[in-house]
C-alpha atoms as a PDB file:
ATOM      1  CA  MET A   1      59.897  30.173-202.023  1.00  0.00           C
ATOM      2  CA  VAL A   2      60.560  28.657-198.573  1.00  0.00           C
ATOM      3  CA  THR A   3      60.678  24.868-198.440  1.00  0.00           C
ATOM      4  CA  ASN A   4      61.756  23.826-194.936  1.00  0.00           C
ATOM      5  CA  ARG A   5      63.674  24.884-191.879  1.00  0.00           C
ATOM      6  CA  THR A   6      67.356  24.284-191.279  1.00  0.00           C
ATOM      7  CA  SER A   7      68.213  25.642-187.852  1.00  0.00           C
ATOM      8  CA  GLY A   8      68.004  28.565-185.480  1.00  0.00           C
ATOM      9  CA  THR A   9      70.955  30.826-184.857  1.00  0.00           C
ATOM     10  CA  GLY A  10      70.712  31.895-181.232  1.00  0.00           C
ATOM     11  CA  THR A  11      69.393  30.631-177.926  1.00  0.00           C
ATOM     12  CA  VAL A  12      66.483  28.326-178.630  1.00  0.00           C
ATOM     13  CA  GLY A  13      63.230  29.901-177.569  1.00  0.00           C
ATOM     14  CA  SER A  14      61.270  28.406-174.706  1.00  0.00           C
ATOM     15  CA  ASP A  15      57.913  26.795-175.389  1.00  0.00           C
ATOM     16  CA  SER A  16      56.044  29.842-174.125  1.00  0.00           C
ATOM     17  CA  PRO A  17      52.689  31.122-175.409  1.00  0.00           C
ATOM     18  CA  ILE A  18      54.316  34.002-177.291  1.00  0.00           C
ATOM     19  CA  THR A  19      56.866  31.654-178.865  1.00  0.00           C
ATOM     20  CA  ARG A  20      54.145  29.277-180.027  1.00  0.00           C
ATOM     21  CA  ALA A  21      52.139  32.215-181.367  1.00  0.00           C
ATOM     22  CA  ALA A  22      55.204  33.477-183.239  1.00  0.00           C
ATOM     23  CA  ALA A  23      55.744  30.003-184.710  1.00  0.00           C
ATOM     24  CA  LEU A  24      52.111  29.846-185.816  1.00  0.00           C
ATOM     25  CA  PHE A  25      52.442  33.241-187.535  1.00  0.00           C
ATOM     26  CA  LEU A  26      55.689  32.198-189.230  1.00  0.00           C
ATOM     27  CA  GLY A  27      54.230  28.941-190.487  1.00  0.00           C
ATOM     28  CA  GLN A  28      51.118  30.629-191.865  1.00  0.00           C
ATOM     29  CA  VAL A  29      53.008  33.382-193.674  1.00  0.00           C
ATOM     30  CA  LEU A  30      55.579  31.081-195.258  1.00  0.00           C
ATOM     31  CA  GLY A  31      53.269  28.131-195.784  1.00  0.00           C
ATOM     32  CA  LEU A  32      55.339  25.749-193.678  1.00  0.00           C
ATOM     33  CA  GLY A  33      53.492  22.493-193.142  1.00  0.00           C
ATOM     34  CA  GLU A  34      54.650  21.955-189.595  1.00  0.00           C
ATOM     35  CA  ALA A  35      52.912  22.129-186.255  1.00  0.00           C
ATOM     36  CA  PRO A  36      53.652  25.362-184.344  1.00  0.00           C
ATOM     37  CA  THR A  37      54.957  23.337-181.404  1.00  0.00           C
ATOM     38  CA  ASP A  38      57.557  21.727-183.677  1.00  0.00           C
ATOM     39  CA  LEU A  39      58.481  24.959-185.419  1.00  0.00           C
ATOM     40  CA  SER A  40      58.792  26.853-182.146  1.00  0.00           C
ATOM     41  CA  ARG A  41      61.672  24.582-181.090  1.00  0.00           C
ATOM     42  CA  ASP A  42      63.775  26.039-183.897  1.00  0.00           C
ATOM     43  CA  LEU A  43      62.946  29.656-183.145  1.00  0.00           C
ATOM     44  CA  SER A  44      65.992  31.139-181.459  1.00  0.00           C
ATOM     45  CA  ALA A  45      65.333  34.022-179.095  1.00  0.00           C
ATOM     46  CA  ILE A  46      67.814  36.881-179.505  1.00  0.00           C
ATOM     47  CA  LYS A  47      65.871  39.374-177.393  1.00  0.00           C
ATOM     48  CA  ARG A  48      63.186  39.142-174.711  1.00  0.00           C
ATOM     49  CA  ASP A  49      61.408  42.030-173.034  1.00  0.00           C
ATOM     50  CA  ALA A  50      58.245  42.122-170.969  1.00  0.00           C
ATOM     51  CA  ASN A  51      56.210  43.199-173.978  1.00  0.00           C
ATOM     52  CA  ALA A  52      58.234  41.947-176.952  1.00  0.00           C
ATOM     53  CA  SER A  53      60.490  39.166-178.177  1.00  0.00           C
ATOM     54  CA  ILE A  54      62.648  38.748-181.277  1.00  0.00           C
ATOM     55  CA  TYR A  55      63.327  35.320-182.764  1.00  0.00           C
ATOM     56  CA  THR A  56      65.539  34.222-185.608  1.00  0.00           C
ATOM     57  CA  ILE A  57      65.434  31.120-187.745  1.00  0.00           C
ATOM     58  CA  GLN A  58      67.239  29.961-190.869  1.00  0.00           C
ATOM     59  CA  LEU A  59      65.163  28.365-193.607  1.00  0.00           C
ATOM     60  CA  GLU A  60      65.781  26.747-196.948  1.00  0.00           C
ATOM     61  CA  SER A  61      64.299  28.833-199.745  1.00  0.00           C
ATOM     62  CA  SER A  62      64.305  29.038-203.509  1.00  0.00           C
ATOM     63  CA  VAL A  63      67.369  31.276-203.282  1.00  0.00           C
ATOM     64  CA  GLY A  64      69.228  29.117-200.756  1.00  0.00           C
ATOM     65  CA  PRO A  65      69.487  29.286-196.971  1.00  0.00           C
ATOM     66  CA  ALA A  66      67.855  32.499-195.756  1.00  0.00           C
ATOM     67  CA  ALA A  67      67.621  34.098-192.327  1.00  0.00           C
ATOM     68  CA  PHE A  68      64.327  35.402-190.988  1.00  0.00           C
ATOM     69  CA  LEU A  69      63.313  37.319-187.896  1.00  0.00           C
ATOM     70  CA  VAL A  70      59.980  37.188-186.138  1.00  0.00           C
ATOM     71  CA  TYR A  71      59.176  40.185-183.954  1.00  0.00           C
ATOM     72  CA  ALA A  72      56.425  39.266-181.484  1.00  0.00           C
ATOM     73  CA  TYR A  73      54.677  41.841-179.300  1.00  0.00           C
ATOM     74  CA  ILE A  74      52.258  41.462-176.387  1.00  0.00           C
ATOM     75  CA  LEU A  75      50.063  44.395-177.325  1.00  0.00           C
ATOM     76  CA  ASN A  76      48.632  45.346-173.923  1.00  0.00           C
ATOM     77  CA  GLU A  77      51.787  44.678-171.902  1.00  0.00           C
ATOM     78  CA  ARG A  78      53.955  47.606-170.820  1.00  0.00           C
ATOM     79  CA  GLY A  79      57.722  47.467-170.934  1.00  0.00           C
ATOM     80  CA  GLY A  80      60.265  49.116-168.697  1.00  0.00           C
ATOM     81  CA  ASP A  81      60.069  52.325-170.714  1.00  0.00           C
ATOM     82  CA  GLY A  82      56.316  52.572-170.143  1.00  0.00           C
ATOM     83  CA  ARG A  83      55.358  51.832-173.731  1.00  0.00           C
ATOM     84  CA  THR A  84      52.896  49.094-174.538  1.00  0.00           C
ATOM     85  CA  GLY A  85      53.638  46.297-176.944  1.00  0.00           C
ATOM     86  CA  LYS A  86      51.201  47.970-179.331  1.00  0.00           C
ATOM     87  CA  ASN A  87      53.251  51.174-179.203  1.00  0.00           C
ATOM     88  CA  VAL A  88      56.441  49.262-179.951  1.00  0.00           C
ATOM     89  CA  PHE A  89      54.772  47.213-182.696  1.00  0.00           C
ATOM     90  CA  ASP A  90      53.433  50.306-184.472  1.00  0.00           C
ATOM     91  CA  ALA A  91      56.758  52.129-184.182  1.00  0.00           C
ATOM     92  CA  GLY A  92      58.718  49.099-185.380  1.00  0.00           C
ATOM     93  CA  LEU A  93      56.466  48.530-188.381  1.00  0.00           C
ATOM     94  CA  GLU A  94      56.634  52.193-189.374  1.00  0.00           C
ATOM     95  CA  THR A  95      60.419  52.135-189.087  1.00  0.00           C
ATOM     96  CA  LEU A  96      60.751  49.035-191.240  1.00  0.00           C
ATOM     97  CA  GLN A  97      58.461  50.443-193.895  1.00  0.00           C
ATOM     98  CA  HIS A  98      60.372  53.731-193.889  1.00  0.00           C
ATOM     99  CA  ALA A  99      63.699  51.877-194.219  1.00  0.00           C
ATOM    100  CA  ALA A 100      62.398  49.902-197.202  1.00  0.00           C
ATOM    101  CA  ALA A 101      61.040  53.017-198.902  1.00  0.00           C
ATOM    102  CA  ASN A 102      64.392  54.793-198.504  1.00  0.00           C
ATOM    103  CA  ASP A 103      66.543  51.711-199.127  1.00  0.00           C
ATOM    104  CA  SER A 104      68.188  52.260-195.727  1.00  0.00           C
ATOM    105  CA  PRO A 105      70.266  49.625-193.919  1.00  0.00           C
ATOM    106  CA  GLY A 106      68.358  47.227-191.704  1.00  0.00           C
ATOM    107  CA  PRO A 107      65.771  44.487-192.040  1.00  0.00           C
ATOM    108  CA  ARG A 108      62.982  44.328-194.578  1.00  0.00           C
ATOM    109  CA  ALA A 109      59.439  43.489-193.487  1.00  0.00           C
ATOM    110  CA  VAL A 110      57.955  40.509-195.317  1.00  0.00           C
ATOM    111  CA  ALA A 111      54.583  40.410-193.521  1.00  0.00           C
ATOM    112  CA  HIS A 112      52.834  41.598-190.360  1.00  0.00           C
ATOM    113  CA  ALA A 113      49.667  40.734-188.469  1.00  0.00           C
ATOM    114  CA  GLU A 114      47.750  41.528-185.284  1.00  0.00           C
ATOM    115  CA  THR A 115      45.449  39.561-183.026  1.00  0.00           C
ATOM    116  CA  GLU A 116      43.669  40.790-179.914  1.00  0.00           C
ATOM    117  CA  GLU A 117      46.672  39.749-177.839  1.00  0.00           C
ATOM    118  CA  TYR A 118      49.720  39.767-180.119  1.00  0.00           C
ATOM    119  CA  GLY A 119      51.340  41.703-182.940  1.00  0.00           C
ATOM    120  CA  PHE A 120      53.856  40.107-185.313  1.00  0.00           C
ATOM    121  CA  ILE A 121      56.323  41.233-187.956  1.00  0.00           C
ATOM    122  CA  LEU A 122      58.266  38.838-190.179  1.00  0.00           C
ATOM    123  CA  ALA A 123      61.466  40.319-191.579  1.00  0.00           C
ATOM    124  CA  THR A 124      64.600  39.243-193.395  1.00  0.00           C
ATOM    125  CA  THR A 125      67.869  40.740-194.605  1.00  0.00           C
ATOM    126  CA  PRO A 126      67.772  43.215-197.501  1.00  0.00           C
ATOM    127  CA  GLY A 127      69.705  40.787-199.713  1.00  0.00           C
ATOM    128  CA  THR A 128      67.371  37.903-199.003  1.00  0.00           C
ATOM    129  CA  TYR A 129      64.334  40.115-199.504  1.00  0.00           C
ATOM    130  CA  ARG A 130      65.581  41.295-202.886  1.00  0.00           C
ATOM    131  CA  ALA A 131      66.280  37.717-203.957  1.00  0.00           C
ATOM    132  CA  LEU A 132      62.890  36.479-202.763  1.00  0.00           C
ATOM    133  CA  VAL A 133      60.992  39.170-204.656  1.00  0.00           C
ATOM    134  CA  GLY A 134      62.879  38.222-207.801  1.00  0.00           C
ATOM    135  CA  ASP A 135      65.046  41.201-208.707  1.00  0.00           C
ATOM    136  CA  GLY A 136      67.877  38.895-209.744  1.00  0.00           C
ATOM    137  CA  ALA A 137      69.972  39.253-206.598  1.00  0.00           C
ATOM    138  CA  GLN A 138      71.499  36.144-205.081  1.00  0.00           C
ATOM    139  CA  THR A 139      72.115  35.371-201.467  1.00  0.00           C
ATOM    140  CA  SER A 140      74.366  32.876-199.735  1.00  0.00           C
ATOM    141  CA  SER A 141      73.845  31.325-196.323  1.00  0.00           C
ATOM    142  CA  ILE A 142      72.810  34.297-194.187  1.00  0.00           C
ATOM    143  CA  GLU A 143      72.418  34.287-190.439  1.00  0.00           C
ATOM    144  CA  ALA A 144      70.422  36.982-188.713  1.00  0.00           C
ATOM    145  CA  GLY A 145      72.827  39.442-187.208  1.00  0.00           C
ATOM    146  CA  PRO A 146      72.649  42.954-185.731  1.00  0.00           C
ATOM    147  CA  ALA A 147      74.035  44.638-188.824  1.00  0.00           C
ATOM    148  CA  ASP A 148      71.286  43.304-191.069  1.00  0.00           C
ATOM    149  CA  LEU A 149      68.304  42.525-188.916  1.00  0.00           C
ATOM    150  CA  LEU A 150      68.009  44.684-185.839  1.00  0.00           C
ATOM    151  CA  PRO A 151      65.158  47.175-186.105  1.00  0.00           C
ATOM    152  CA  THR A 152      66.071  50.839-186.223  1.00  0.00           C
ATOM    153  CA  ALA A 153      65.114  51.312-182.563  1.00  0.00           C
ATOM    154  CA  GLU A 154      67.576  48.567-181.664  1.00  0.00           C
ATOM    155  CA  LEU A 155      70.212  50.043-183.968  1.00  0.00           C
ATOM    156  CA  GLU A 156      69.830  53.414-182.274  1.00  0.00           C
ATOM    157  CA  ARG A 157      70.307  51.814-178.863  1.00  0.00           C
ATOM    158  CA  SER A 158      73.321  49.933-180.224  1.00  0.00           C
ATOM    159  CA  ARG A 159      74.761  53.148-181.666  1.00  0.00           C
ATOM    160  CA  SER A 160      74.305  54.958-178.360  1.00  0.00           C
ATOM    161  CA  ALA A 161      75.815  52.142-176.315  1.00  0.00           C
ATOM    162  CA  ASN A 162      78.774  51.748-178.670  1.00  0.00           C
ATOM    163  CA  ALA A 163      79.333  55.505-178.796  1.00  0.00           C
ATOM    164  CA  GLU A 164      79.391  55.603-174.994  1.00  0.00           C
ATOM    165  CA  ASP A 165      81.888  52.730-174.872  1.00  0.00           C
ATOM    166  CA  LEU A 166      83.974  54.288-177.649  1.00  0.00           C
ATOM    167  CA  LEU A 167      84.145  57.618-175.813  1.00  0.00           C
ATOM    168  CA  ARG A 168      85.198  55.909-172.588  1.00  0.00           C
ATOM    169  CA  LEU A 169      87.848  53.807-174.314  1.00  0.00           C
ATOM    170  CA  LEU A 170      89.209  56.728-176.333  1.00  0.00           C
ATOM    171  CA  ARG A 171      89.579  58.773-173.164  1.00  0.00           C
ATOM    172  CA  GLU A 172      91.358  55.853-171.537  1.00  0.00           C
ATOM    173  CA  ALA A 173      93.537  55.319-174.605  1.00  0.00           C
ATOM    174  CA  ASN A 174      94.440  59.006-174.686  1.00  0.00           C
ATOM    175  CA  ARG A 175      95.441  58.844-171.018  1.00  0.00           C
ATOM    176  CA  HIS A 176      97.649  55.824-171.705  1.00  0.00           C
ATOM    177  CA  ALA A 177      99.154  57.589-174.723  1.00  0.00           C
ATOM    178  CA  SER A 178      99.932  60.651-172.592  1.00  0.00           C
ATOM    179  CA  ASP A 179     101.570  58.474-169.932  1.00  0.00           C
ATOM    180  CA  TRP A 180     103.558  56.646-172.618  1.00  0.00           C
ATOM    181  CA  LEU A 181     104.818  59.914-174.131  1.00  0.00           C
ATOM    182  CA  GLU A 182     105.869  61.119-170.707  1.00  0.00           C
ATOM    183  CA  ALA A 183     107.763  57.859-170.187  1.00  0.00           C
ATOM    184  CA  ILE A 184     109.414  58.244-173.590  1.00  0.00           C
ATOM    185  CA  ARG A 185     110.514  61.776-172.754  1.00  0.00           C
ATOM    186  CA  ALA A 186     111.872  60.575-169.439  1.00  0.00           C
ATOM    187  CA  SER A 187     113.679  57.734-171.201  1.00  0.00           C
ATOM    188  CA  GLY A 188     115.286  60.226-173.574  1.00  0.00           C
ATOM    189  CA  GLN A 189     116.522  62.314-170.664  1.00  0.00           C
ATOM    190  CA  ASN A 190     118.064  59.159-169.219  1.00  0.00           C
ATOM    191  CA  GLY A 191     119.867  58.349-172.472  1.00  0.00           C
ATOM    192  CA  GLU A 192     117.762  55.318-173.294  1.00  0.00           C
ATOM    193  CA  SER A 193     116.747  56.392-176.798  1.00  0.00           C
ATOM    194  CA  SER A 194     119.099  55.850-179.722  1.00  0.00           C
ATOM    195  CA  GLY A 195     121.310  58.587-181.078  1.00  0.00           C
ATOM    196  CA  ALA A 196     119.341  58.652-184.331  1.00  0.00           C
ATOM    197  CA  GLY A 197     116.275  59.812-182.452  1.00  0.00           C
ATOM    198  CA  LEU A 198     114.533  56.445-182.789  1.00  0.00           C
ATOM    199  CA  ILE A 199     113.000  54.583-179.892  1.00  0.00           C
ATOM    200  CA  GLU A 200     114.463  51.294-178.833  1.00  0.00           C
ATOM    201  CA  PHE A 201     111.237  49.342-178.470  1.00  0.00           C
ATOM    202  CA  THR A 202     110.442  47.054-175.622  1.00  0.00           C
ATOM    203  CA  GLU A 203     108.793  43.759-176.534  1.00  0.00           C
ATOM    204  CA  GLU A 204     105.361  45.175-175.774  1.00  0.00           C
ATOM    205  CA  GLU A 205     106.028  48.333-177.808  1.00  0.00           C
ATOM    206  CA  THR A 206     107.141  46.210-180.747  1.00  0.00           C
ATOM    207  CA  GLU A 207     103.875  44.280-180.567  1.00  0.00           C
ATOM    208  CA  LEU A 208     101.911  47.543-180.441  1.00  0.00           C
ATOM    209  CA  ALA A 209     103.828  49.011-183.386  1.00  0.00           C
ATOM    210  CA  LEU A 210     103.268  45.905-185.511  1.00  0.00           C
ATOM    211  CA  PHE A 211      99.579  46.035-184.672  1.00  0.00           C
ATOM    212  CA  LEU A 212      99.397  49.662-185.824  1.00  0.00           C
ATOM    213  CA  LEU A 213     101.308  48.914-189.037  1.00  0.00           C
ATOM    214  CA  ASP A 214      98.576  46.505-190.081  1.00  0.00           C
ATOM    215  CA  ASP A 215      96.078  48.483-192.165  1.00  0.00           C
ATOM    216  CA  GLU A 216      93.194  46.365-190.902  1.00  0.00           C
ATOM    217  CA  SER A 217      94.026  46.578-187.188  1.00  0.00           C
ATOM    218  CA  ILE A 218      92.381  49.927-186.517  1.00  0.00           C
ATOM    219  CA  GLY A 219      90.638  50.435-189.844  1.00  0.00           C
ATOM    220  CA  SER A 220      87.168  50.504-188.319  1.00  0.00           C
ATOM    221  CA  LEU A 221      88.319  52.901-185.616  1.00  0.00           C
ATOM    222  CA  LEU A 222      89.826  55.306-188.145  1.00  0.00           C
ATOM    223  CA  LYS A 223      86.738  55.154-190.343  1.00  0.00           C
ATOM    224  CA  SER A 224      84.512  55.783-187.321  1.00  0.00           C
ATOM    225  CA  LEU A 225      86.607  58.763-186.226  1.00  0.00           C
ATOM    226  CA  ASN A 226      86.585  60.187-189.750  1.00  0.00           C
ATOM    227  CA  VAL A 227      82.787  59.921-189.920  1.00  0.00           C
ATOM    228  CA  LEU A 228      82.361  61.468-186.467  1.00  0.00           C
ATOM    229  CA  VAL A 229      84.780  64.329-187.095  1.00  0.00           C
ATOM    230  CA  ALA A 230      83.472  65.104-190.588  1.00  0.00           C
ATOM    231  CA  THR A 231      79.861  65.046-189.385  1.00  0.00           C
ATOM    232  CA  ALA A 232      80.638  67.215-186.364  1.00  0.00           C
ATOM    233  CA  GLN A 233      82.463  69.743-188.557  1.00  0.00           C
ATOM    234  CA  GLU A 234      79.588  69.832-191.043  1.00  0.00           C
ATOM    235  CA  GLN A 235      77.010  70.295-188.300  1.00  0.00           C
ATOM    236  CA  ALA A 236      79.099  73.056-186.745  1.00  0.00           C
ATOM    237  CA  ALA A 237      79.400  74.809-190.104  1.00  0.00           C
ATOM    238  CA  ASN A 238      75.670  74.530-190.744  1.00  0.00           C
ATOM    239  CA  ALA A 239      74.919  75.949-187.300  1.00  0.00           C
ATOM    240  CA  MET A 240      76.920  79.126-187.970  1.00  0.00           C
ATOM    241  CA  PRO A 241      74.853  82.237-188.791  1.00  0.00           C
ATOM    242  CA  ASP A 242      74.843  83.179-192.465  1.00  0.00           C
ATOM    243  CA  ASP A 243      76.158  86.682-191.724  1.00  0.00           C
ATOM    244  CA  LEU A 244      79.413  85.167-190.465  1.00  0.00           C
ATOM    245  CA  ASP A 245      80.222  83.675-193.854  1.00  0.00           C
END
């Protein structure tokens, strides 16, 4: 299965007690014949809270380079939200198991364990997990990234933060678009548009137009807006009383 380590993919974890404990757990689960102090140097910390840390590492396996995450929790420590590490550990494990059962996006739990002080979950990408369990899937060099490996709780926070930023930027973009249209109308009144009704672009407008003509330039934005609008319309329709149909 897993033969040896290659490298971490983030900020290398400090040689702290929780990092060493995470390295010990990783080595035991995957049968790595290395001292925890050596293995901990290649654990890259991608998140640190008072009661939890997330590390990533890339290892050589029977299916090629594979990315793994180690979630480490200090069970009796409370975080900023008031939850203990045990609360977060239990919720994270339940979420991962639910995602696997429903084949949802996100990481797949490989193993988990608890001690009196710590809780651990080892996870990997869905593609790597499928390859490791032998369903015939293949995986190339995979690095742990948010799209594949963040737990659902992290994905929900990411969704909320990105939605907030998207709303702010769309409002700002709409304001700029309104100002631009006003300037265009004013330019037309001053005779600066062509007789054919076309706009004589400035250099910056030409750059903007070329950007918009590229199908890939705002593809993700358009897809996101389609999903949001379609979902909002469906929810609104479902919320309508049956006697209004």
